[in-house]
Structures are given as structure tokens and as C-alpha cells.
N, C-alpha and C. Protein backbone atom coordinates (compact mmCIF):
# COMPACT_ATOMS: atom_id res chain seq x y z
N MET A 1 0.83 -1.19 0.00
CA MET A 1 0.00 0.00 0.00
C MET A 1 0.87 1.26 0.00
N SER A 2 1.99 1.20 0.67
CA SER A 2 2.86 2.37 0.69
C SER A 2 3.44 2.67 -0.69
N ALA A 3 3.68 1.62 -1.50
CA ALA A 3 4.17 1.84 -2.86
C ALA A 3 3.15 2.59 -3.70
N ALA A 4 1.88 2.25 -3.48
CA ALA A 4 0.81 2.93 -4.22
C ALA A 4 0.74 4.39 -3.82
N VAL A 5 0.94 4.65 -2.53
CA VAL A 5 0.91 6.02 -2.05
C VAL A 5 2.08 6.81 -2.65
N VAL A 6 3.25 6.21 -2.67
CA VAL A 6 4.42 6.88 -3.24
C VAL A 6 4.19 7.15 -4.72
N LYS A 7 3.66 6.14 -5.43
CA LYS A 7 3.40 6.30 -6.86
C LYS A 7 2.39 7.41 -7.09
N CYS A 8 1.32 7.42 -6.30
CA CYS A 8 0.30 8.46 -6.45
C CYS A 8 0.90 9.82 -6.16
N GLY A 9 1.70 9.89 -5.08
CA GLY A 9 2.34 11.16 -4.74
C GLY A 9 3.25 11.64 -5.85
N ALA A 10 3.99 10.71 -6.44
CA ALA A 10 4.89 11.09 -7.54
C ALA A 10 4.09 11.59 -8.73
N THR A 11 2.97 10.90 -9.02
CA THR A 11 2.13 11.33 -10.14
C THR A 11 1.55 12.71 -9.88
N GLU A 12 1.08 12.93 -8.65
CA GLU A 12 0.54 14.24 -8.31
C GLU A 12 1.62 15.31 -8.40
N GLN A 13 2.83 14.97 -7.96
CA GLN A 13 3.94 15.90 -8.02
C GLN A 13 4.30 16.21 -9.48
N GLN A 14 4.29 15.18 -10.34
CA GLN A 14 4.58 15.41 -11.76
C GLN A 14 3.51 16.29 -12.38
N THR A 15 2.23 16.06 -12.02
CA THR A 15 1.13 16.87 -12.56
C THR A 15 1.29 18.32 -12.11
N ALA A 16 1.61 18.51 -10.83
CA ALA A 16 1.81 19.87 -10.32
C ALA A 16 3.00 20.52 -11.00
N CYS A 17 4.07 19.74 -11.19
CA CYS A 17 5.26 20.25 -11.88
C CYS A 17 4.92 20.60 -13.33
N SER A 18 4.17 19.73 -13.99
CA SER A 18 3.76 19.99 -15.37
C SER A 18 2.90 21.23 -15.46
N SER A 19 1.98 21.39 -14.49
CA SER A 19 1.13 22.58 -14.47
C SER A 19 1.97 23.84 -14.26
N ALA A 20 2.91 23.75 -13.33
CA ALA A 20 3.77 24.90 -13.06
C ALA A 20 4.61 25.23 -14.29
N THR A 21 5.11 24.22 -14.97
CA THR A 21 5.90 24.43 -16.18
C THR A 21 5.03 25.08 -17.25
N ALA A 22 3.82 24.57 -17.43
CA ALA A 22 2.91 25.12 -18.45
C ALA A 22 2.57 26.57 -18.14
N ILE A 23 2.31 26.87 -16.88
CA ILE A 23 2.00 28.25 -16.50
C ILE A 23 3.22 29.14 -16.74
N GLY A 24 4.39 28.65 -16.39
CA GLY A 24 5.62 29.42 -16.61
C GLY A 24 5.84 29.71 -18.09
N VAL A 25 5.62 28.71 -18.93
CA VAL A 25 5.78 28.90 -20.37
C VAL A 25 4.77 29.91 -20.87
N TRP A 26 3.53 29.81 -20.40
CA TRP A 26 2.49 30.75 -20.82
C TRP A 26 2.84 32.18 -20.39
N VAL A 27 3.27 32.35 -19.15
CA VAL A 27 3.63 33.69 -18.66
C VAL A 27 4.79 34.26 -19.47
N PHE A 28 5.82 33.45 -19.69
CA PHE A 28 6.98 33.91 -20.46
C PHE A 28 6.58 34.28 -21.89
N THR A 29 5.79 33.42 -22.55
CA THR A 29 5.38 33.67 -23.93
C THR A 29 4.52 34.91 -24.02
N THR A 30 3.61 35.08 -23.07
CA THR A 30 2.75 36.27 -23.06
C THR A 30 3.59 37.53 -22.86
N ALA A 31 4.49 37.50 -21.91
CA ALA A 31 5.34 38.66 -21.65
C ALA A 31 6.20 38.98 -22.87
N PHE A 32 6.74 37.96 -23.50
CA PHE A 32 7.58 38.16 -24.69
C PHE A 32 6.76 38.78 -25.83
N ALA A 33 5.56 38.23 -26.08
CA ALA A 33 4.71 38.74 -27.16
C ALA A 33 4.27 40.18 -26.90
N LEU A 34 3.90 40.48 -25.66
CA LEU A 34 3.50 41.84 -25.33
C LEU A 34 4.68 42.81 -25.42
N THR A 35 5.87 42.34 -25.08
CA THR A 35 7.07 43.18 -25.20
C THR A 35 7.33 43.52 -26.66
N ILE A 36 7.18 42.55 -27.54
CA ILE A 36 7.39 42.81 -28.97
C ILE A 36 6.40 43.87 -29.47
N VAL A 37 5.12 43.71 -29.11
CA VAL A 37 4.12 44.71 -29.53
C VAL A 37 4.47 46.07 -28.92
N GLY A 38 4.90 46.07 -27.67
CA GLY A 38 5.30 47.32 -27.05
C GLY A 38 6.45 48.00 -27.78
N LEU A 39 7.45 47.22 -28.18
CA LEU A 39 8.58 47.78 -28.91
C LEU A 39 8.16 48.35 -30.27
N ILE A 40 7.20 47.68 -30.91
CA ILE A 40 6.71 48.17 -32.21
C ILE A 40 6.14 49.58 -32.08
N VAL A 41 5.44 49.81 -30.98
CA VAL A 41 4.81 51.12 -30.76
C VAL A 41 5.78 52.11 -30.10
N ILE A 42 6.70 51.61 -29.30
CA ILE A 42 7.66 52.49 -28.63
C ILE A 42 8.61 53.15 -29.62
N ALA A 43 8.95 52.47 -30.70
CA ALA A 43 9.91 53.02 -31.67
C ALA A 43 9.48 54.40 -32.19
N PRO A 44 8.26 54.56 -32.72
CA PRO A 44 7.90 55.91 -33.19
C PRO A 44 7.73 56.90 -32.03
N PHE A 45 7.30 56.40 -30.88
CA PHE A 45 7.16 57.26 -29.71
C PHE A 45 8.52 57.79 -29.28
N ALA A 46 9.51 56.91 -29.25
CA ALA A 46 10.87 57.33 -28.88
C ALA A 46 11.44 58.30 -29.91
N GLN A 47 11.19 58.03 -31.17
CA GLN A 47 11.67 58.91 -32.25
C GLN A 47 11.05 60.30 -32.10
N ALA A 48 9.76 60.33 -31.80
CA ALA A 48 9.05 61.61 -31.69
C ALA A 48 9.45 62.39 -30.44
N HIS A 49 9.98 61.70 -29.44
CA HIS A 49 10.31 62.37 -28.18
C HIS A 49 11.81 62.48 -27.93
N GLY A 50 12.58 62.54 -29.02
CA GLY A 50 13.99 62.86 -28.91
C GLY A 50 14.92 61.73 -28.50
N HIS A 51 14.57 60.50 -28.82
CA HIS A 51 15.44 59.37 -28.53
C HIS A 51 15.71 58.57 -29.82
N PRO A 52 16.34 59.23 -30.81
CA PRO A 52 16.52 58.58 -32.10
C PRO A 52 17.44 57.35 -32.07
N GLU A 53 18.42 57.32 -31.16
CA GLU A 53 19.32 56.16 -31.09
C GLU A 53 18.56 54.91 -30.63
N PHE A 54 17.74 55.09 -29.60
CA PHE A 54 16.95 53.98 -29.09
C PHE A 54 15.97 53.51 -30.17
N ALA A 55 15.29 54.46 -30.80
CA ALA A 55 14.33 54.13 -31.86
C ALA A 55 15.03 53.44 -33.02
N SER A 56 16.19 53.94 -33.39
CA SER A 56 16.95 53.35 -34.50
C SER A 56 17.33 51.90 -34.24
N THR A 57 17.67 51.60 -33.00
CA THR A 57 18.00 50.21 -32.63
C THR A 57 16.79 49.31 -32.82
N ILE A 58 15.64 49.78 -32.39
CA ILE A 58 14.41 48.99 -32.54
C ILE A 58 14.08 48.79 -34.02
N TYR A 59 14.14 49.87 -34.79
CA TYR A 59 13.87 49.76 -36.23
C TYR A 59 14.84 48.78 -36.89
N GLN A 60 16.10 48.87 -36.50
CA GLN A 60 17.12 47.99 -37.10
C GLN A 60 16.82 46.53 -36.79
N VAL A 61 16.46 46.21 -35.56
CA VAL A 61 16.16 44.83 -35.18
C VAL A 61 14.97 44.31 -35.99
N PHE A 62 13.93 45.11 -36.10
CA PHE A 62 12.74 44.67 -36.83
C PHE A 62 12.94 44.65 -38.34
N SER A 63 13.98 45.32 -38.82
CA SER A 63 14.23 45.32 -40.27
C SER A 63 14.58 43.92 -40.79
N PHE A 64 15.00 43.03 -39.89
CA PHE A 64 15.33 41.67 -40.30
C PHE A 64 14.08 40.82 -40.57
N VAL A 65 12.91 41.26 -40.07
CA VAL A 65 11.68 40.47 -40.25
C VAL A 65 10.59 41.20 -41.02
N CYS A 66 10.81 42.46 -41.34
CA CYS A 66 9.76 43.23 -42.02
C CYS A 66 10.39 44.23 -43.01
N HIS A 67 9.68 44.46 -44.11
CA HIS A 67 10.17 45.40 -45.13
C HIS A 67 10.11 46.85 -44.65
N GLN A 68 9.24 47.19 -43.71
CA GLN A 68 9.10 48.52 -43.13
C GLN A 68 8.83 49.62 -44.16
N ILE A 69 8.05 49.32 -45.16
CA ILE A 69 7.68 50.33 -46.16
C ILE A 69 6.76 51.35 -45.48
N PRO A 70 7.12 52.63 -45.48
CA PRO A 70 6.33 53.64 -44.77
C PRO A 70 4.86 53.70 -45.21
N GLU A 71 4.60 53.54 -46.49
CA GLU A 71 3.22 53.62 -46.99
C GLU A 71 2.36 52.45 -46.50
N ARG A 72 2.99 51.40 -46.04
CA ARG A 72 2.26 50.22 -45.56
C ARG A 72 2.32 50.08 -44.05
N SER A 73 2.72 51.14 -43.37
CA SER A 73 2.88 51.09 -41.92
C SER A 73 1.98 52.10 -41.24
N PHE A 74 1.56 51.77 -40.02
CA PHE A 74 0.87 52.74 -39.17
C PHE A 74 1.91 53.75 -38.71
N HIS A 75 1.42 54.93 -38.35
CA HIS A 75 2.30 55.98 -37.88
C HIS A 75 1.81 56.52 -36.54
N LEU A 76 2.75 56.96 -35.73
CA LEU A 76 2.44 57.56 -34.44
C LEU A 76 3.33 58.79 -34.29
N GLY A 77 2.72 59.93 -34.09
CA GLY A 77 3.49 61.16 -33.95
C GLY A 77 4.29 61.51 -35.19
N GLY A 78 3.80 61.08 -36.35
CA GLY A 78 4.49 61.36 -37.60
C GLY A 78 5.59 60.36 -37.94
N TYR A 79 5.79 59.35 -37.10
CA TYR A 79 6.82 58.35 -37.34
C TYR A 79 6.16 56.97 -37.46
N GLN A 80 6.70 56.18 -38.37
CA GLN A 80 6.10 54.87 -38.62
C GLN A 80 6.41 53.88 -37.52
N TYR A 81 5.49 52.91 -37.35
CA TYR A 81 5.73 51.81 -36.41
C TYR A 81 6.97 51.06 -36.87
N ALA A 82 7.50 50.23 -36.00
CA ALA A 82 8.73 49.48 -36.31
C ALA A 82 8.51 48.41 -37.37
N VAL A 83 7.24 48.03 -37.62
CA VAL A 83 6.90 47.06 -38.66
C VAL A 83 5.68 47.55 -39.42
N CYS A 84 5.40 46.93 -40.55
CA CYS A 84 4.25 47.31 -41.37
C CYS A 84 2.94 46.93 -40.67
N SER A 85 1.83 47.36 -41.24
CA SER A 85 0.53 47.09 -40.61
C SER A 85 0.21 45.60 -40.57
N ARG A 86 0.63 44.83 -41.57
CA ARG A 86 0.38 43.38 -41.56
C ARG A 86 1.16 42.71 -40.43
N CYS A 87 2.43 43.06 -40.30
CA CYS A 87 3.25 42.51 -39.21
C CYS A 87 2.73 42.98 -37.84
N THR A 88 2.28 44.23 -37.76
CA THR A 88 1.68 44.72 -36.52
C THR A 88 0.48 43.85 -36.16
N GLY A 89 -0.32 43.50 -37.16
CA GLY A 89 -1.46 42.61 -36.92
C GLY A 89 -1.02 41.23 -36.47
N LEU A 90 -0.01 40.67 -37.13
CA LEU A 90 0.49 39.35 -36.74
C LEU A 90 0.94 39.33 -35.29
N TYR A 91 1.77 40.31 -34.92
CA TYR A 91 2.29 40.36 -33.55
C TYR A 91 1.19 40.68 -32.53
N SER A 92 0.30 41.60 -32.88
CA SER A 92 -0.77 41.97 -31.96
C SER A 92 -1.75 40.82 -31.77
N GLY A 93 -2.14 40.17 -32.86
CA GLY A 93 -3.03 39.03 -32.76
C GLY A 93 -2.43 37.92 -31.93
N PHE A 94 -1.15 37.67 -32.13
CA PHE A 94 -0.45 36.64 -31.36
C PHE A 94 -0.42 37.02 -29.87
N ALA A 95 -0.12 38.28 -29.57
CA ALA A 95 -0.02 38.72 -28.17
C ALA A 95 -1.37 38.62 -27.46
N VAL A 96 -2.42 39.11 -28.09
CA VAL A 96 -3.74 39.07 -27.47
C VAL A 96 -4.21 37.62 -27.29
N ALA A 97 -4.03 36.80 -28.30
CA ALA A 97 -4.45 35.40 -28.20
C ALA A 97 -3.63 34.65 -27.14
N THR A 98 -2.35 34.97 -27.02
CA THR A 98 -1.53 34.35 -25.98
C THR A 98 -2.04 34.75 -24.60
N LEU A 99 -2.40 35.99 -24.46
CA LEU A 99 -2.91 36.49 -23.19
C LEU A 99 -4.17 35.76 -22.75
N VAL A 100 -5.07 35.51 -23.68
CA VAL A 100 -6.35 34.86 -23.34
C VAL A 100 -6.35 33.34 -23.58
N TYR A 101 -5.23 32.80 -23.99
CA TYR A 101 -5.14 31.38 -24.32
C TYR A 101 -5.69 30.46 -23.23
N PRO A 102 -5.35 30.68 -21.95
CA PRO A 102 -5.87 29.76 -20.92
C PRO A 102 -7.39 29.79 -20.79
N LEU A 103 -8.03 30.83 -21.27
CA LEU A 103 -9.50 30.88 -21.24
C LEU A 103 -10.11 30.01 -22.34
N ALA A 104 -9.34 29.77 -23.39
CA ALA A 104 -9.83 29.00 -24.53
C ALA A 104 -9.41 27.53 -24.47
N ARG A 105 -8.22 27.27 -23.93
CA ARG A 105 -7.70 25.89 -23.87
C ARG A 105 -6.95 25.68 -22.58
N SER A 106 -6.93 24.47 -22.13
CA SER A 106 -6.19 24.13 -20.93
C SER A 106 -4.70 24.18 -21.22
N LEU A 107 -3.95 24.72 -20.28
CA LEU A 107 -2.50 24.74 -20.43
C LEU A 107 -1.91 23.34 -20.29
N LYS A 108 -2.68 22.42 -19.73
CA LYS A 108 -2.21 21.04 -19.58
C LYS A 108 -2.24 20.28 -20.90
N SER A 109 -3.02 20.77 -21.84
CA SER A 109 -3.16 20.08 -23.13
C SER A 109 -2.02 20.49 -24.06
N ALA A 110 -1.31 19.49 -24.56
CA ALA A 110 -0.19 19.77 -25.47
C ALA A 110 -0.53 19.41 -26.90
N ASP A 111 -1.79 19.17 -27.16
CA ASP A 111 -2.18 18.82 -28.54
C ASP A 111 -2.68 20.06 -29.26
N ALA A 112 -2.27 20.19 -30.50
CA ALA A 112 -2.66 21.33 -31.34
C ALA A 112 -3.89 20.93 -32.15
N PRO A 113 -4.67 21.92 -32.58
CA PRO A 113 -5.81 21.63 -33.45
C PRO A 113 -5.33 21.09 -34.80
N PRO A 114 -6.24 20.56 -35.60
CA PRO A 114 -5.83 20.13 -36.94
C PRO A 114 -5.20 21.29 -37.73
N ARG A 115 -4.19 20.99 -38.52
CA ARG A 115 -3.48 22.03 -39.28
C ARG A 115 -4.39 22.79 -40.24
N LEU A 116 -5.50 22.18 -40.59
CA LEU A 116 -6.45 22.84 -41.48
C LEU A 116 -6.84 24.22 -40.97
N TRP A 117 -6.98 24.37 -39.64
CA TRP A 117 -7.37 25.67 -39.08
C TRP A 117 -6.29 26.72 -39.30
N LEU A 118 -5.06 26.33 -39.23
CA LEU A 118 -3.96 27.27 -39.49
C LEU A 118 -3.95 27.68 -40.96
N ILE A 119 -4.18 26.72 -41.83
CA ILE A 119 -4.24 27.01 -43.27
C ILE A 119 -5.41 27.93 -43.57
N LEU A 120 -6.57 27.64 -42.98
CA LEU A 120 -7.75 28.49 -43.21
C LEU A 120 -7.52 29.91 -42.69
N ALA A 121 -6.78 30.05 -41.60
CA ALA A 121 -6.48 31.39 -41.08
C ALA A 121 -5.52 32.14 -41.98
N ALA A 122 -4.68 31.42 -42.73
CA ALA A 122 -3.73 32.06 -43.63
C ALA A 122 -4.37 32.46 -44.96
N VAL A 123 -5.48 31.84 -45.31
CA VAL A 123 -6.13 32.11 -46.60
C VAL A 123 -6.51 33.58 -46.77
N PRO A 124 -7.19 34.23 -45.80
CA PRO A 124 -7.52 35.65 -46.02
C PRO A 124 -6.28 36.53 -46.23
N LEU A 125 -5.21 36.24 -45.50
CA LEU A 125 -3.97 36.99 -45.68
C LEU A 125 -3.41 36.77 -47.08
N ALA A 126 -3.41 35.54 -47.53
CA ALA A 126 -2.89 35.23 -48.87
C ALA A 126 -3.74 35.90 -49.95
N ILE A 127 -5.04 35.89 -49.76
CA ILE A 127 -5.94 36.54 -50.74
C ILE A 127 -5.69 38.05 -50.76
N ASP A 128 -5.63 38.65 -49.57
CA ASP A 128 -5.39 40.09 -49.48
C ASP A 128 -4.05 40.46 -50.12
N PHE A 129 -3.02 39.67 -49.82
CA PHE A 129 -1.71 39.92 -50.40
C PHE A 129 -1.74 39.72 -51.92
N GLY A 130 -2.29 38.60 -52.36
CA GLY A 130 -2.31 38.27 -53.79
C GLY A 130 -3.09 39.27 -54.62
N LEU A 131 -4.26 39.65 -54.15
CA LEU A 131 -5.06 40.62 -54.89
C LEU A 131 -4.37 41.98 -54.95
N GLY A 132 -3.69 42.35 -53.88
CA GLY A 132 -2.93 43.61 -53.88
C GLY A 132 -1.71 43.52 -54.79
N TYR A 133 -1.03 42.40 -54.75
CA TYR A 133 0.17 42.21 -55.56
C TYR A 133 -0.14 42.28 -57.05
N PHE A 134 -1.27 41.70 -57.45
CA PHE A 134 -1.65 41.71 -58.86
C PHE A 134 -2.54 42.89 -59.23
N SER A 135 -2.60 43.89 -58.36
CA SER A 135 -3.36 45.14 -58.59
C SER A 135 -4.83 44.90 -58.91
N ILE A 136 -5.40 43.88 -58.34
CA ILE A 136 -6.83 43.61 -58.50
C ILE A 136 -7.60 44.31 -57.40
N TRP A 137 -6.97 44.43 -56.26
CA TRP A 137 -7.60 44.99 -55.06
C TRP A 137 -6.58 45.87 -54.38
N GLN A 138 -7.00 47.02 -53.92
CA GLN A 138 -6.10 47.89 -53.17
C GLN A 138 -6.26 47.59 -51.69
N ASN A 139 -5.32 46.80 -51.14
CA ASN A 139 -5.46 46.51 -49.72
C ASN A 139 -5.08 47.74 -48.90
N THR A 140 -5.60 47.79 -47.70
CA THR A 140 -5.42 48.95 -46.83
C THR A 140 -4.72 48.53 -45.54
N HIS A 141 -4.43 49.52 -44.73
CA HIS A 141 -3.86 49.21 -43.41
C HIS A 141 -4.81 48.28 -42.64
N LEU A 142 -6.10 48.55 -42.75
CA LEU A 142 -7.08 47.75 -42.01
C LEU A 142 -7.11 46.30 -42.49
N THR A 143 -7.12 46.08 -43.81
CA THR A 143 -7.16 44.69 -44.30
C THR A 143 -5.86 43.96 -43.98
N ARG A 144 -4.76 44.67 -44.07
CA ARG A 144 -3.48 44.04 -43.73
C ARG A 144 -3.44 43.69 -42.25
N PHE A 145 -3.85 44.63 -41.41
CA PHE A 145 -3.84 44.40 -39.97
C PHE A 145 -4.81 43.28 -39.59
N ALA A 146 -6.00 43.30 -40.15
CA ALA A 146 -7.02 42.29 -39.79
C ALA A 146 -6.59 40.88 -40.21
N THR A 147 -6.08 40.74 -41.43
CA THR A 147 -5.68 39.41 -41.88
C THR A 147 -4.45 38.92 -41.12
N GLY A 148 -3.54 39.84 -40.79
CA GLY A 148 -2.39 39.48 -39.97
C GLY A 148 -2.80 39.08 -38.56
N SER A 149 -3.73 39.83 -37.98
CA SER A 149 -4.21 39.51 -36.64
C SER A 149 -4.85 38.13 -36.58
N LEU A 150 -5.64 37.81 -37.58
CA LEU A 150 -6.29 36.50 -37.61
C LEU A 150 -5.24 35.39 -37.62
N LEU A 151 -4.27 35.50 -38.49
CA LEU A 151 -3.25 34.46 -38.57
C LEU A 151 -2.42 34.40 -37.29
N GLY A 152 -2.05 35.55 -36.74
CA GLY A 152 -1.28 35.58 -35.50
C GLY A 152 -2.03 34.96 -34.34
N ALA A 153 -3.34 35.25 -34.25
CA ALA A 153 -4.15 34.70 -33.16
C ALA A 153 -4.29 33.19 -33.27
N VAL A 154 -4.50 32.70 -34.46
CA VAL A 154 -4.65 31.25 -34.65
C VAL A 154 -3.32 30.54 -34.43
N ALA A 155 -2.22 31.18 -34.80
CA ALA A 155 -0.90 30.56 -34.64
C ALA A 155 -0.60 30.22 -33.19
N VAL A 156 -1.16 30.98 -32.25
CA VAL A 156 -0.93 30.71 -30.83
C VAL A 156 -1.37 29.30 -30.46
N PHE A 157 -2.42 28.81 -31.09
CA PHE A 157 -2.95 27.49 -30.74
C PHE A 157 -2.07 26.35 -31.26
N TYR A 158 -1.04 26.71 -32.00
CA TYR A 158 -0.04 25.73 -32.46
C TYR A 158 1.29 25.95 -31.74
N VAL A 159 1.63 27.21 -31.52
CA VAL A 159 2.90 27.54 -30.88
C VAL A 159 2.87 27.22 -29.38
N ALA A 160 1.81 27.63 -28.69
CA ALA A 160 1.74 27.41 -27.23
C ALA A 160 1.82 25.93 -26.85
N PRO A 161 1.01 25.05 -27.45
CA PRO A 161 1.15 23.63 -27.07
C PRO A 161 2.55 23.08 -27.38
N GLY A 162 3.14 23.53 -28.47
CA GLY A 162 4.48 23.08 -28.82
C GLY A 162 5.51 23.53 -27.80
N LEU A 163 5.42 24.79 -27.36
CA LEU A 163 6.35 25.30 -26.36
C LEU A 163 6.17 24.59 -25.01
N ILE A 164 4.92 24.36 -24.64
CA ILE A 164 4.63 23.68 -23.38
C ILE A 164 5.17 22.26 -23.43
N ASP A 165 4.93 21.58 -24.53
CA ASP A 165 5.43 20.20 -24.67
C ASP A 165 6.95 20.18 -24.69
N LEU A 166 7.55 21.09 -25.41
CA LEU A 166 9.02 21.15 -25.49
C LEU A 166 9.62 21.43 -24.12
N SER A 167 9.06 22.37 -23.40
CA SER A 167 9.60 22.70 -22.08
C SER A 167 9.45 21.53 -21.12
N SER A 168 8.33 20.82 -21.18
CA SER A 168 8.15 19.65 -20.34
C SER A 168 9.16 18.57 -20.69
N THR A 169 9.41 18.39 -21.97
CA THR A 169 10.37 17.39 -22.44
C THR A 169 11.78 17.73 -21.97
N ILE A 170 12.10 18.99 -21.90
CA ILE A 170 13.44 19.41 -21.48
C ILE A 170 13.57 19.38 -19.95
N ILE A 171 12.53 19.82 -19.26
CA ILE A 171 12.61 19.96 -17.80
C ILE A 171 12.58 18.62 -17.09
N ARG A 172 11.78 17.66 -17.55
CA ARG A 172 11.69 16.36 -16.88
C ARG A 172 13.05 15.68 -16.73
N PRO A 173 13.83 15.52 -17.81
CA PRO A 173 15.15 14.89 -17.64
C PRO A 173 16.09 15.70 -16.76
N LEU A 174 15.99 17.01 -16.82
CA LEU A 174 16.85 17.85 -15.97
C LEU A 174 16.54 17.63 -14.50
N LYS A 175 15.26 17.53 -14.18
CA LYS A 175 14.88 17.29 -12.79
C LYS A 175 15.34 15.92 -12.32
N ARG A 176 15.27 14.92 -13.22
CA ARG A 176 15.75 13.57 -12.86
C ARG A 176 17.25 13.60 -12.58
N LEU A 177 17.99 14.32 -13.42
CA LEU A 177 19.44 14.43 -13.21
C LEU A 177 19.77 15.13 -11.89
N MET A 178 19.02 16.16 -11.59
CA MET A 178 19.28 16.93 -10.37
C MET A 178 18.89 16.16 -9.11
N SER A 179 17.93 15.25 -9.22
CA SER A 179 17.49 14.51 -8.04
C SER A 179 18.40 13.32 -7.73
N ARG A 180 19.34 13.02 -8.61
CA ARG A 180 20.26 11.89 -8.38
C ARG A 180 21.33 12.21 -7.41
């Protein structure tokens, strides 16, 4: 009977550890996503308020992931955001969805929805991009932001379970090594 108690205790401890790991991953991912959105908006704010070096660093970092075309970017105080409106939507959608993720899905669940949902979320963005590229439709800041937000929000339901599963996979062996 004592072996059963030990086994149950270990299982409960693993579940608590897994829950703590999942919550930690969620908190870190949410903070990271919100920081990125904050930096996107802080860049023009810093530029407008006499901190061009700080703003320039932010713009330079984001230049590796976005074209930063001024005509396709939101502006604040006469200065463009650090990324275009579509990228702003992607990052914003991801940040908001990460923030509310535990309300939609359990952090204990490491399974992602069928990939079809991710593909369906990318279709409006692809259509908006394609129609604009071939001059059939003039996309706007709003359509770019909305289609980016949709894809960013849906992506959370694939990224979060993957990060939670990955962190659990890494932490379990480390804890075993440390307990020896």
C-alpha cells in the first residue's frame, strides 16, 4: 500500500510540476509577445520624443523580419511603427491570443488543433496579399492588420502547445538528473 501512495504522490507531483511548467511557459510567452508589440509602438514614440538612437536600434532589429515600407505602416506622432501594418497585426493578434489562451484551452493540453485551421487562417492573408500584388484589389492598413491579426491569433494554438510540450520534455530529464 505504501508503494501505491508513493506512486500516487509522484504522479501528483509530476502533474503539479507539469502545471507549473505550463504556466511558466504561458507567462513567459505572453510577456515576450506583449514586449514585442510594445517595442513596435515604442519606436515611433521614442523617435518623436527625442530618442533617435533607441528608436533606430528597434527599427534595425525589426528590419530583419519586415520590409518597413512607410506607406504600408501605421504611424504615431508622424513616425512609422517598427513594422508594417500586416506585421503589426500578426504580432498583436499573437499577443492578445496568448494572453487569453488559458481561457480557450487548458495549459495542460499539449495537442494542437488540426493544421487545417492554421491554413484556413492564412487564406484571407494570402488573398489580401495576392489581390494587392496583382493590382486587382487595393489593400489597406485595415485589411493588412485584420488578416495578420487573424493568422497571429490562430498561430498561438499551435505555438503554445508546442512550447509547453518542449519545455516539459526538457525539464523532466533535468529534474531527474538533479534529483540523483
